[in-house]
Structures are given as C-alpha cells and as structure tokens.
Amino acid sequence: MARTPMARLELNLLVSLDALLTERSVSKAAERLGLSQPALSASLSRLRVHFDDQILVREGNTYRLTPLAGRLVEQTATALDAARKVFANEAVFDPGTATREFTVYGSDYAFASVGSRVSAAVGGIAPGVRFRFMHHTPPIVESPMTSLRTVDGMLLPHGFASDLPCIDVYDDEWVCLVAADNTAVGDRLTMDNLRELPWVFTYQSRSAFTPAGRQLQMIGVEPHIDAVVEGFLALPYFLVGTNRIGMVQAELADRITAKGDVRAMRPPFDVVRLAGALWWHPMHTDDPAHIWMRQQFLRFGRRPA
C-alpha cells in the first residue's frame, strides 16, 4: 500500500499517535488530549491507513499494541520531544519568562556534582526552566555527533569526543575507596595492594572507561576485577564487607565516606586529574537559549573552592 506523503501528514497525528501508544485506549487518549472520541478515532483510522497496521487490537475489554506499535513507542516519544524543541525556539531568550527544558547526557557523578549545582542555581533565576539529566550509554558516547542532535549537551571528560564545541565546566581528582574494616589495607595503599586485591571498576568497555582505570594498566598494574558497575554512586555498596578496592572522584568520596563504612585513600601513584566539559552539537552554538544555558554551566558548574 502506498504511504501518505510526508507533506500531507500533520503534527497533530504524531500527538495522537503518542497518546494512543501511551494510553492504549481511544477513550483515555481522547480524554488526555481534550478531544472527542470520534475525533481521535478518525486520527487512528488515518494512522492505520498510513502504517497499514491496526496499531491497537482489542482483547476483551482492553487493547494491546501490535508488534509495529510496540516498536513505535520510543520513536514516537523521541520525535514528539524533538518537535516540541523545534517550536520552543525563540529569537530572544528571556530566562525570567521562559518555559524550556534542557536535556543533558552524563554520568551519575556529573549529575550529582555539576548538574545539581546548575539546577539549583537556575531555579532561582529562571523558575520556568528545567533540566532533564539522562545517563549516557556506550553507544551514545561512541557516536557523540549523532547523539547530540537530539539533546542540548553531554557532560563528559576530555578524551571521548572530538571535533565538537565544548566548554570546561569541572575538574576533580581521583581517590581510592576501601571498606572501613578492610584489614588487608593499612594506613596507606601500596602498589602491592593494587596488584593483589580485587577491584570494583566503574565502566569497562572500549568506549566506557575511566581515565584513572586506564592509567592503572599504563603503569603496569593489571587489576583483578570482581565487579563492574555502570555508575559511581553505587560503587561503595560493592566494597562494604569485602577487601575490594574502588576508585571515584574526590567530590563524591566526601559524601560516600560520611557514613563511616567506607574510607578514602590516596592512590600510591600520581593519578591524572579528571577534566570534564559540556559538549554540544554545532547546530546549537548560536541559539540564544543554549548560549544562556552554557553560561549557567560556566557560572555554577564548578565546585566552590
């Protein structure tokens, strides 16, 4: 069946499709959008013709999504979010009256440090502006130019992205963590400890790693890795009650060690400092709203001295 040309499709159909896929009910979707049920049924009929698929199939008193509709759920939400961002653009950005959402990729460390500071400060400057912080994944980091087309930025250390605009917004140092009752470690860590004791690593793949973890191997230490955690805040839970070693940023270590069941220790080698930036797609460079957002990261992102 020939598909409806894109020029004849309406943005309202995308809105209707998103509501139908979310609610899985014509009546509930109509109520959500403030439309009559016949009006939304007409939109569903057009969608069924376009996709040559039923989209929703009745099962008793409920509806289920067809396999195609299941695949459309995330794509539709992403497309609708992108459309909203297109129409949210303004020639002049007024933070006092703006109602814009900025989406930023990063790690839990970046959110707990840089992100939380920027969000708290912006709340008092631009009450209608909010941030959505989303965890990056290896595929996102591997293709930053593509990934950054649909978001406003990514908080990421140097060494992962290139040929993209960025501003430096944080720097930190690495410290080692061990359980407070880890008797295999004395008052200070030794190189033998690093070689002999098991480790918990944060990220461990071709595109997802920490510079400090790579440096260990560069100085001749091949760590025995007991577990890999996709984040930094969960790491101490993998140390308590074991003789394992982990490594996190100093800013997180201050909070993690507050309970007293984990202690922070200086590494027995000179660890490269962590330098991170806010990266964005070049298409955002001249956007007044994006320029304002970047200024907030520059102003509030760094840890107070």
C-alpha atoms as a PDB file:
ATOM      1  CA  MET A   1       0.000   0.000   0.000  1.00  0.00           C
ATOM      2  CA  ALA A   2       1.311   3.478  -0.916  1.00  0.00           C
ATOM      3  CA  ARG A   3       2.142   5.599   2.101  1.00  0.00           C
ATOM      4  CA  THR A   4       0.742   9.058   2.736  1.00  0.00           C
ATOM      5  CA  PRO A   5       3.286  11.654   1.555  1.00  0.00           C
ATOM      6  CA  MET A   6       5.045  13.412   4.427  1.00  0.00           C
ATOM      7  CA  ALA A   7       3.749  16.790   3.224  1.00  0.00           C
ATOM      8  CA  ARG A   8       0.178  15.620   3.872  1.00  0.00           C
ATOM      9  CA  LEU A   9       0.839  14.307   7.370  1.00  0.00           C
ATOM     10  CA  GLU A  10       0.077  16.616  10.293  1.00  0.00           C
ATOM     11  CA  LEU A  11       1.985  17.141  13.518  1.00  0.00           C
ATOM     12  CA  ASN A  12      -1.319  16.533  15.309  1.00  0.00           C
ATOM     13  CA  LEU A  13      -1.188  12.933  14.080  1.00  0.00           C
ATOM     14  CA  LEU A  14       2.098  12.470  15.903  1.00  0.00           C
ATOM     15  CA  VAL A  15       0.489  13.846  19.068  1.00  0.00           C
ATOM     16  CA  SER A  16      -2.456  11.479  18.638  1.00  0.00           C
ATOM     17  CA  LEU A  17      -0.170   8.514  17.993  1.00  0.00           C
ATOM     18  CA  ASP A  18       1.842   9.253  21.143  1.00  0.00           C
ATOM     19  CA  ALA A  19      -1.329   9.425  23.252  1.00  0.00           C
ATOM     20  CA  LEU A  20      -2.713   6.198  21.754  1.00  0.00           C
ATOM     21  CA  LEU A  21       0.532   4.317  22.303  1.00  0.00           C
ATOM     22  CA  THR A  22       0.807   5.595  25.869  1.00  0.00           C
ATOM     23  CA  GLU A  23      -2.811   5.104  26.969  1.00  0.00           C
ATOM     24  CA  ARG A  24      -3.560   2.040  24.793  1.00  0.00           C
ATOM     25  CA  SER A  25      -7.166   3.200  24.708  1.00  0.00           C
ATOM     26  CA  VAL A  26      -9.020   5.501  22.316  1.00  0.00           C
ATOM     27  CA  SER A  27     -11.243   6.910  25.056  1.00  0.00           C
ATOM     28  CA  LYS A  28      -8.388   7.540  27.514  1.00  0.00           C
ATOM     29  CA  ALA A  29      -6.186   9.054  24.804  1.00  0.00           C
ATOM     30  CA  ALA A  30      -9.052  11.342  23.742  1.00  0.00           C
ATOM     31  CA  GLU A  31      -9.568  12.426  27.347  1.00  0.00           C
ATOM     32  CA  ARG A  32      -5.854  13.099  27.743  1.00  0.00           C
ATOM     33  CA  LEU A  33      -5.796  15.325  24.646  1.00  0.00           C
ATOM     34  CA  GLY A  34      -9.126  17.031  25.348  1.00  0.00           C
ATOM     35  CA  LEU A  35     -10.668  15.663  22.149  1.00  0.00           C
ATOM     36  CA  SER A  36     -13.899  13.840  21.420  1.00  0.00           C
ATOM     37  CA  GLN A  37     -13.662  10.090  20.989  1.00  0.00           C
ATOM     38  CA  PRO A  38     -14.901  10.246  17.350  1.00  0.00           C
ATOM     39  CA  ALA A  39     -12.162  12.791  16.532  1.00  0.00           C
ATOM     40  CA  LEU A  40      -9.429  10.562  17.904  1.00  0.00           C
ATOM     41  CA  SER A  41     -10.951   7.504  16.244  1.00  0.00           C
ATOM     42  CA  ALA A  42     -10.633   9.363  12.941  1.00  0.00           C
ATOM     43  CA  SER A  43      -6.949  10.009  13.662  1.00  0.00           C
ATOM     44  CA  LEU A  44      -6.454   6.326  14.487  1.00  0.00           C
ATOM     45  CA  SER A  45      -8.065   5.396  11.172  1.00  0.00           C
ATOM     46  CA  ARG A  46      -5.625   7.652   9.298  1.00  0.00           C
ATOM     47  CA  LEU A  47      -2.693   6.167  11.200  1.00  0.00           C
ATOM     48  CA  ARG A  48      -3.874   2.650  10.381  1.00  0.00           C
ATOM     49  CA  VAL A  49      -4.031   3.533   6.693  1.00  0.00           C
ATOM     50  CA  HIS A  50      -0.579   5.131   6.745  1.00  0.00           C
ATOM     51  CA  PHE A  51       1.146   2.261   8.552  1.00  0.00           C
ATOM     52  CA  ASP A  52      -1.061  -0.461   7.035  1.00  0.00           C
ATOM     53  CA  ASP A  53      -1.311  -1.805  10.568  1.00  0.00           C
ATOM     54  CA  GLN A  54      -4.017  -1.893  13.244  1.00  0.00           C
ATOM     55  CA  ILE A  55      -1.820  -0.164  15.875  1.00  0.00           C
ATOM     56  CA  LEU A  56      -4.305  -1.114  18.618  1.00  0.00           C
ATOM     57  CA  VAL A  57      -6.018  -4.508  18.740  1.00  0.00           C
ATOM     58  CA  ARG A  58      -8.934  -5.211  21.057  1.00  0.00           C
ATOM     59  CA  GLU A  59      -8.532  -8.065  23.549  1.00  0.00           C
ATOM     60  CA  GLY A  60     -11.652  -8.433  25.650  1.00  0.00           C
ATOM     61  CA  ASN A  61     -12.212  -5.106  27.408  1.00  0.00           C
ATOM     62  CA  THR A  62      -8.716  -3.809  26.733  1.00  0.00           C
ATOM     63  CA  TYR A  63      -6.401  -3.086  23.815  1.00  0.00           C
ATOM     64  CA  ARG A  64      -2.904  -4.357  23.094  1.00  0.00           C
ATOM     65  CA  LEU A  65      -0.263  -2.806  20.867  1.00  0.00           C
ATOM     66  CA  THR A  66       0.659  -4.574  17.653  1.00  0.00           C
ATOM     67  CA  PRO A  67       4.357  -5.507  17.227  1.00  0.00           C
ATOM     68  CA  LEU A  68       4.802  -2.470  14.958  1.00  0.00           C
ATOM     69  CA  ALA A  69       3.150  -0.184  17.517  1.00  0.00           C
ATOM     70  CA  GLY A  70       5.472  -1.545  20.198  1.00  0.00           C
ATOM     71  CA  ARG A  71       8.451  -0.502  18.096  1.00  0.00           C
ATOM     72  CA  LEU A  72       6.928   2.939  17.560  1.00  0.00           C
ATOM     73  CA  VAL A  73       6.561   3.788  21.265  1.00  0.00           C
ATOM     74  CA  GLU A  74      10.069   5.130  21.878  1.00  0.00           C
ATOM     75  CA  GLN A  75      10.484   6.546  18.364  1.00  0.00           C
ATOM     76  CA  THR A  76       7.241   8.493  18.660  1.00  0.00           C
ATOM     77  CA  ALA A  77       8.137   9.945  22.059  1.00  0.00           C
ATOM     78  CA  THR A  78      11.563  10.992  20.762  1.00  0.00           C
ATOM     79  CA  ALA A  79      10.103  12.544  17.603  1.00  0.00           C
ATOM     80  CA  LEU A  80       7.456  14.432  19.559  1.00  0.00           C
ATOM     81  CA  ASP A  81      10.046  15.737  22.013  1.00  0.00           C
ATOM     82  CA  ALA A  82      12.200  16.908  19.097  1.00  0.00           C
ATOM     83  CA  ALA A  83       9.201  18.667  17.542  1.00  0.00           C
ATOM     84  CA  ARG A  84       8.439  20.425  20.825  1.00  0.00           C
ATOM     85  CA  LYS A  85      12.028  21.645  20.968  1.00  0.00           C
ATOM     86  CA  VAL A  86      11.779  23.000  17.424  1.00  0.00           C
ATOM     87  CA  PHE A  87       8.747  25.110  18.281  1.00  0.00           C
ATOM     88  CA  ALA A  88      10.206  26.163  21.647  1.00  0.00           C
ATOM     89  CA  ASN A  89      12.976  28.102  19.902  1.00  0.00           C
ATOM     90  CA  GLU A  90      12.873  31.860  20.318  1.00  0.00           C
ATOM     91  CA  ALA A  91      14.680  34.701  18.581  1.00  0.00           C
ATOM     92  CA  VAL A  92      15.311  36.260  22.005  1.00  0.00           C
ATOM     93  CA  PHE A  93      15.587  34.199  25.181  1.00  0.00           C
ATOM     94  CA  ASP A  94      14.217  35.671  28.416  1.00  0.00           C
ATOM     95  CA  PRO A  95      15.104  33.351  31.330  1.00  0.00           C
ATOM     96  CA  GLY A  96      12.622  35.105  33.597  1.00  0.00           C
ATOM     97  CA  THR A  97       9.636  34.052  31.479  1.00  0.00           C
ATOM     98  CA  ALA A  98      10.989  31.061  29.510  1.00  0.00           C
ATOM     99  CA  THR A  99       9.449  27.619  29.932  1.00  0.00           C
ATOM    100  CA  ARG A 100      12.112  25.468  28.326  1.00  0.00           C
ATOM    101  CA  GLU A 101      13.536  22.079  29.203  1.00  0.00           C
ATOM    102  CA  PHE A 102      17.232  21.402  28.580  1.00  0.00           C
ATOM    103  CA  THR A 103      18.276  17.767  28.182  1.00  0.00           C
ATOM    104  CA  VAL A 104      21.824  16.768  29.130  1.00  0.00           C
ATOM    105  CA  TYR A 105      23.560  13.380  28.997  1.00  0.00           C
ATOM    106  CA  GLY A 106      26.159  12.386  31.584  1.00  0.00           C
ATOM    107  CA  SER A 107      27.166  10.053  34.400  1.00  0.00           C
ATOM    108  CA  ASP A 108      25.725   9.933  37.904  1.00  0.00           C
ATOM    109  CA  TYR A 109      28.881  11.706  39.111  1.00  0.00           C
ATOM    110  CA  ALA A 110      28.341  14.577  36.665  1.00  0.00           C
ATOM    111  CA  PHE A 111      24.712  14.898  37.745  1.00  0.00           C
ATOM    112  CA  ALA A 112      25.419  14.690  41.481  1.00  0.00           C
ATOM    113  CA  SER A 113      28.082  17.390  41.200  1.00  0.00           C
ATOM    114  CA  VAL A 114      27.813  19.738  38.213  1.00  0.00           C
ATOM    115  CA  GLY A 115      24.182  19.055  37.362  1.00  0.00           C
ATOM    116  CA  SER A 116      22.827  19.531  40.863  1.00  0.00           C
ATOM    117  CA  ARG A 117      24.644  22.858  41.291  1.00  0.00           C
ATOM    118  CA  VAL A 118      23.454  24.253  37.977  1.00  0.00           C
ATOM    119  CA  SER A 119      19.875  23.094  38.503  1.00  0.00           C
ATOM    120  CA  ALA A 120      19.661  24.593  41.990  1.00  0.00           C
ATOM    121  CA  ALA A 121      21.094  27.938  40.864  1.00  0.00           C
ATOM    122  CA  VAL A 122      18.911  28.179  37.766  1.00  0.00           C
ATOM    123  CA  GLY A 123      15.803  27.526  39.872  1.00  0.00           C
ATOM    124  CA  GLY A 124      16.200  30.970  41.428  1.00  0.00           C
ATOM    125  CA  ILE A 125      16.966  32.711  38.134  1.00  0.00           C
ATOM    126  CA  ALA A 126      14.601  31.078  35.672  1.00  0.00           C
ATOM    127  CA  PRO A 127      11.697  29.415  37.533  1.00  0.00           C
ATOM    128  CA  GLY A 128      10.113  28.131  34.308  1.00  0.00           C
ATOM    129  CA  VAL A 129      13.282  26.425  33.076  1.00  0.00           C
ATOM    130  CA  ARG A 130      14.074  22.844  33.998  1.00  0.00           C
ATOM    131  CA  PHE A 131      16.759  20.276  33.226  1.00  0.00           C
ATOM    132  CA  ARG A 132      16.386  16.641  32.276  1.00  0.00           C
ATOM    133  CA  PHE A 133      19.573  14.727  33.103  1.00  0.00           C
ATOM    134  CA  MET A 134      19.830  11.360  31.359  1.00  0.00           C
ATOM    135  CA  HIS A 135      22.506   8.694  31.779  1.00  0.00           C
ATOM    136  CA  HIS A 136      24.735   8.213  28.775  1.00  0.00           C
ATOM    137  CA  THR A 137      25.451   4.722  27.432  1.00  0.00           C
ATOM    138  CA  PRO A 138      28.392   3.308  25.441  1.00  0.00           C
ATOM    139  CA  PRO A 139      26.547   3.758  22.089  1.00  0.00           C
ATOM    140  CA  ILE A 140      25.815   7.404  22.985  1.00  0.00           C
ATOM    141  CA  VAL A 141      29.463   8.069  23.851  1.00  0.00           C
ATOM    142  CA  GLU A 142      30.717   6.221  20.770  1.00  0.00           C
ATOM    143  CA  SER A 143      28.734   8.494  18.404  1.00  0.00           C
ATOM    144  CA  PRO A 144      28.591  11.901  20.130  1.00  0.00           C
ATOM    145  CA  MET A 145      27.902  13.884  16.943  1.00  0.00           C
ATOM    146  CA  THR A 146      24.793  11.807  16.285  1.00  0.00           C
ATOM    147  CA  SER A 147      23.734  11.540  19.937  1.00  0.00           C
ATOM    148  CA  LEU A 148      23.922  15.289  20.493  1.00  0.00           C
ATOM    149  CA  ARG A 149      21.492  16.051  17.658  1.00  0.00           C
ATOM    150  CA  THR A 150      18.508  15.324  19.891  1.00  0.00           C
ATOM    151  CA  VAL A 151      19.710  16.775  23.221  1.00  0.00           C
ATOM    152  CA  ASP A 152      21.255  20.011  24.437  1.00  0.00           C
ATOM    153  CA  GLY A 153      24.549  18.695  25.703  1.00  0.00           C
ATOM    154  CA  MET A 154      26.632  15.988  27.316  1.00  0.00           C
ATOM    155  CA  LEU A 155      28.831  16.216  30.416  1.00  0.00           C
ATOM    156  CA  LEU A 156      31.870  14.116  29.585  1.00  0.00           C
ATOM    157  CA  PRO A 157      35.600  14.091  30.386  1.00  0.00           C
ATOM    158  CA  HIS A 158      38.055  15.024  27.686  1.00  0.00           C
ATOM    159  CA  GLY A 159      39.320  12.133  25.603  1.00  0.00           C
ATOM    160  CA  PHE A 160      35.995  10.720  24.448  1.00  0.00           C
ATOM    161  CA  ALA A 161      34.763  13.328  21.954  1.00  0.00           C
ATOM    162  CA  SER A 162      36.481  15.429  19.313  1.00  0.00           C
ATOM    163  CA  ASP A 163      35.514  17.927  16.603  1.00  0.00           C
ATOM    164  CA  LEU A 164      32.680  19.203  18.793  1.00  0.00           C
ATOM    165  CA  PRO A 165      32.341  22.533  20.610  1.00  0.00           C
ATOM    166  CA  CYS A 166      32.716  22.357  24.365  1.00  0.00           C
ATOM    167  CA  ILE A 167      33.407  24.390  27.490  1.00  0.00           C
ATOM    168  CA  ASP A 168      35.335  23.139  30.520  1.00  0.00           C
ATOM    169  CA  VAL A 169      32.998  23.028  33.499  1.00  0.00           C
ATOM    170  CA  TYR A 170      34.575  20.708  36.073  1.00  0.00           C
ATOM    171  CA  ASP A 171      37.822  19.236  37.305  1.00  0.00           C
ATOM    172  CA  ASP A 172      38.485  16.803  40.113  1.00  0.00           C
ATOM    173  CA  GLU A 173      40.975  14.277  41.389  1.00  0.00           C
ATOM    174  CA  TRP A 174      40.690  10.521  41.871  1.00  0.00           C
ATOM    175  CA  VAL A 175      40.800   8.760  45.222  1.00  0.00           C
ATOM    176  CA  CYS A 176      40.636   5.079  46.135  1.00  0.00           C
ATOM    177  CA  LEU A 177      37.916   3.613  48.346  1.00  0.00           C
ATOM    178  CA  VAL A 178      38.050   0.557  50.596  1.00  0.00           C
ATOM    179  CA  ALA A 179      35.741  -0.780  53.273  1.00  0.00           C
ATOM    180  CA  ALA A 180      36.441   0.663  56.705  1.00  0.00           C
ATOM    181  CA  ASP A 181      37.011  -2.871  58.064  1.00  0.00           C
ATOM    182  CA  ASN A 182      39.273  -3.969  55.191  1.00  0.00           C
ATOM    183  CA  THR A 183      42.225  -5.343  57.181  1.00  0.00           C
ATOM    184  CA  ALA A 184      44.206  -6.100  54.019  1.00  0.00           C
ATOM    185  CA  VAL A 185      44.898  -2.363  53.700  1.00  0.00           C
ATOM    186  CA  GLY A 186      46.833  -0.451  56.321  1.00  0.00           C
ATOM    187  CA  ASP A 187      47.061   3.282  56.864  1.00  0.00           C
ATOM    188  CA  ARG A 188      48.001   3.790  53.249  1.00  0.00           C
ATOM    189  CA  LEU A 189      47.562   1.932  49.993  1.00  0.00           C
ATOM    190  CA  THR A 190      50.551   0.287  48.397  1.00  0.00           C
ATOM    191  CA  MET A 191      51.255  -0.789  44.842  1.00  0.00           C
ATOM    192  CA  ASP A 192      51.098  -4.393  46.095  1.00  0.00           C
ATOM    193  CA  ASN A 193      47.551  -3.729  47.321  1.00  0.00           C
ATOM    194  CA  LEU A 194      46.578  -2.548  43.844  1.00  0.00           C
ATOM    195  CA  ARG A 195      48.035  -5.673  42.248  1.00  0.00           C
ATOM    196  CA  GLU A 196      46.867  -8.261  44.754  1.00  0.00           C
ATOM    197  CA  LEU A 197      43.440  -7.137  45.982  1.00  0.00           C
ATOM    198  CA  PRO A 198      40.266  -7.424  43.885  1.00  0.00           C
ATOM    199  CA  TRP A 199      38.704  -4.343  42.308  1.00  0.00           C
ATOM    200  CA  VAL A 200      35.300  -2.899  41.551  1.00  0.00           C
ATOM    201  CA  PHE A 201      35.501  -0.902  38.334  1.00  0.00           C
ATOM    202  CA  THR A 202      33.116   1.733  37.061  1.00  0.00           C
ATOM    203  CA  TYR A 203      32.579   1.099  33.357  1.00  0.00           C
ATOM    204  CA  GLN A 204      34.793  -1.300  31.461  1.00  0.00           C
ATOM    205  CA  SER A 205      34.484  -1.353  27.680  1.00  0.00           C
ATOM    206  CA  ARG A 206      36.086   0.114  24.592  1.00  0.00           C
ATOM    207  CA  SER A 207      34.198   3.421  24.863  1.00  0.00           C
ATOM    208  CA  ALA A 208      33.157   3.397  28.538  1.00  0.00           C
ATOM    209  CA  PHE A 209      36.045   3.649  30.974  1.00  0.00           C
ATOM    210  CA  THR A 210      37.637   5.999  33.471  1.00  0.00           C
ATOM    211  CA  PRO A 211      40.961   7.681  32.685  1.00  0.00           C
ATOM    212  CA  ALA A 212      42.249   6.517  36.081  1.00  0.00           C
ATOM    213  CA  GLY A 213      41.370   2.917  35.274  1.00  0.00           C
ATOM    214  CA  ARG A 214      43.284   3.121  32.025  1.00  0.00           C
ATOM    215  CA  GLN A 215      46.236   4.686  33.817  1.00  0.00           C
ATOM    216  CA  LEU A 216      46.493   1.682  36.137  1.00  0.00           C
ATOM    217  CA  GLN A 217      47.216  -0.540  33.172  1.00  0.00           C
ATOM    218  CA  MET A 218      49.656   2.001  31.739  1.00  0.00           C
ATOM    219  CA  ILE A 219      51.796   1.820  34.887  1.00  0.00           C
ATOM    220  CA  GLY A 220      51.866  -1.965  34.746  1.00  0.00           C
ATOM    221  CA  VAL A 221      49.021  -2.883  37.115  1.00  0.00           C
ATOM    222  CA  GLU A 222      46.601  -5.465  35.724  1.00  0.00           C
ATOM    223  CA  PRO A 223      43.745  -5.235  38.245  1.00  0.00           C
ATOM    224  CA  HIS A 224      41.742  -8.318  39.175  1.00  0.00           C
ATOM    225  CA  ILE A 225      38.186  -7.064  38.600  1.00  0.00           C
ATOM    226  CA  ASP A 226      35.484  -8.676  40.727  1.00  0.00           C
ATOM    227  CA  ALA A 227      32.605  -6.490  39.516  1.00  0.00           C
ATOM    228  CA  VAL A 228      31.822  -3.728  37.034  1.00  0.00           C
ATOM    229  CA  VAL A 229      29.277  -1.028  37.943  1.00  0.00           C
ATOM    230  CA  GLU A 230      27.715   1.339  35.406  1.00  0.00           C
ATOM    231  CA  GLY A 231      27.955   4.331  37.710  1.00  0.00           C
ATOM    232  CA  PHE A 232      29.867   5.792  40.637  1.00  0.00           C
ATOM    233  CA  LEU A 233      27.266   6.256  43.371  1.00  0.00           C
ATOM    234  CA  ALA A 234      26.572   2.512  43.667  1.00  0.00           C
ATOM    235  CA  LEU A 235      30.254   1.589  43.966  1.00  0.00           C
ATOM    236  CA  PRO A 236      30.568   1.729  47.803  1.00  0.00           C
ATOM    237  CA  TYR A 237      27.849  -0.923  48.173  1.00  0.00           C
ATOM    238  CA  PHE A 238      30.167  -3.342  46.365  1.00  0.00           C
ATOM    239  CA  LEU A 239      33.026  -2.583  48.774  1.00  0.00           C
ATOM    240  CA  VAL A 240      31.417  -2.924  52.195  1.00  0.00           C
ATOM    241  CA  GLY A 241      32.229  -6.258  53.800  1.00  0.00           C
ATOM    242  CA  THR A 242      34.921  -7.110  51.234  1.00  0.00           C
ATOM    243  CA  ASN A 243      38.623  -6.477  50.671  1.00  0.00           C
ATOM    244  CA  ARG A 244      37.958  -4.834  47.313  1.00  0.00           C
ATOM    245  CA  ILE A 245      39.292  -1.507  46.049  1.00  0.00           C
ATOM    246  CA  GLY A 246      37.364   1.073  44.042  1.00  0.00           C
ATOM    247  CA  MET A 247      38.136   4.495  42.636  1.00  0.00           C
ATOM    248  CA  VAL A 248      35.885   7.556  42.492  1.00  0.00           C
ATOM    249  CA  GLN A 249      36.147  11.311  42.192  1.00  0.00           C
ATOM    250  CA  ALA A 250      37.163  13.218  45.329  1.00  0.00           C
ATOM    251  CA  GLU A 251      33.918  15.196  45.428  1.00  0.00           C
ATOM    252  CA  LEU A 252      31.853  12.010  45.618  1.00  0.00           C
ATOM    253  CA  ALA A 253      34.262  10.465  48.119  1.00  0.00           C
ATOM    254  CA  ASP A 254      33.495  13.258  50.600  1.00  0.00           C
ATOM    255  CA  ARG A 255      29.831  12.200  50.597  1.00  0.00           C
ATOM    256  CA  ILE A 256      30.371   8.449  50.306  1.00  0.00           C
ATOM    257  CA  THR A 257      32.649   8.271  53.356  1.00  0.00           C
ATOM    258  CA  ALA A 258      30.272  10.277  55.570  1.00  0.00           C
ATOM    259  CA  LYS A 259      28.530   7.098  56.825  1.00  0.00           C
ATOM    260  CA  GLY A 260      31.829   5.694  58.088  1.00  0.00           C
ATOM    261  CA  ASP A 261      31.621   2.242  56.455  1.00  0.00           C
ATOM    262  CA  VAL A 262      33.992   3.215  53.632  1.00  0.00           C
ATOM    263  CA  ARG A 263      37.269   5.117  53.804  1.00  0.00           C
ATOM    264  CA  ALA A 264      39.014   7.170  51.122  1.00  0.00           C
ATOM    265  CA  MET A 265      42.731   6.817  50.486  1.00  0.00           C
ATOM    266  CA  ARG A 266      45.239   8.464  48.210  1.00  0.00           C
ATOM    267  CA  PRO A 267      46.417   6.254  45.345  1.00  0.00           C
ATOM    268  CA  PRO A 268      50.089   5.210  45.617  1.00  0.00           C
ATOM    269  CA  PHE A 269      50.824   6.745  42.209  1.00  0.00           C
ATOM    270  CA  ASP A 270      50.295  10.112  40.529  1.00  0.00           C
ATOM    271  CA  VAL A 271      46.835   9.890  39.006  1.00  0.00           C
ATOM    272  CA  VAL A 272      45.919  12.157  36.118  1.00  0.00           C
ATOM    273  CA  ARG A 273      43.332  14.744  37.167  1.00  0.00           C
ATOM    274  CA  LEU A 274      39.811  14.481  35.852  1.00  0.00           C
ATOM    275  CA  ALA A 275      38.952  17.340  33.465  1.00  0.00           C
ATOM    276  CA  GLY A 276      35.428  17.451  32.073  1.00  0.00           C
ATOM    277  CA  ALA A 277      33.397  19.597  29.732  1.00  0.00           C
ATOM    278  CA  LEU A 278      29.920  20.305  28.475  1.00  0.00           C
ATOM    279  CA  TRP A 279      29.801  19.220  24.815  1.00  0.00           C
ATOM    280  CA  TRP A 280      27.114  20.163  22.291  1.00  0.00           C
ATOM    281  CA  HIS A 281      26.212  19.831  18.637  1.00  0.00           C
ATOM    282  CA  PRO A 282      27.351  22.762  16.452  1.00  0.00           C
ATOM    283  CA  MET A 283      23.754  23.482  15.421  1.00  0.00           C
ATOM    284  CA  HIS A 284      23.128  24.808  18.970  1.00  0.00           C
ATOM    285  CA  THR A 285      26.074  27.207  19.023  1.00  0.00           C
ATOM    286  CA  ASP A 286      24.158  30.373  18.059  1.00  0.00           C
ATOM    287  CA  ASP A 287      20.859  29.512  19.787  1.00  0.00           C
ATOM    288  CA  PRO A 288      20.214  32.290  22.382  1.00  0.00           C
ATOM    289  CA  ALA A 289      18.657  29.823  24.846  1.00  0.00           C
ATOM    290  CA  HIS A 290      21.569  27.432  24.502  1.00  0.00           C
ATOM    291  CA  ILE A 291      24.079  30.249  24.923  1.00  0.00           C
ATOM    292  CA  TRP A 292      22.323  31.172  28.175  1.00  0.00           C
ATOM    293  CA  MET A 293      22.372  27.538  29.335  1.00  0.00           C
ATOM    294  CA  ARG A 294      26.109  27.276  28.682  1.00  0.00           C
ATOM    295  CA  GLN A 295      26.686  30.445  30.688  1.00  0.00           C
ATOM    296  CA  GLN A 296      24.956  28.828  33.670  1.00  0.00           C
ATOM    297  CA  PHE A 297      27.218  25.779  33.463  1.00  0.00           C
ATOM    298  CA  LEU A 298      30.251  28.062  33.346  1.00  0.00           C
ATOM    299  CA  ARG A 299      28.982  30.136  36.232  1.00  0.00           C
ATOM    300  CA  PHE A 300      27.718  27.428  38.588  1.00  0.00           C
ATOM    301  CA  GLY A 301      29.143  24.106  37.410  1.00  0.00           C
ATOM    302  CA  ARG A 302      32.474  24.104  39.226  1.00  0.00           C
ATOM    303  CA  ARG A 303      32.769  23.028  42.841  1.00  0.00           C
ATOM    304  CA  PRO A 304      33.110  26.019  45.186  1.00  0.00           C
ATOM    305  CA  ALA A 305      36.670  26.455  46.402  1.00  0.00           C
END
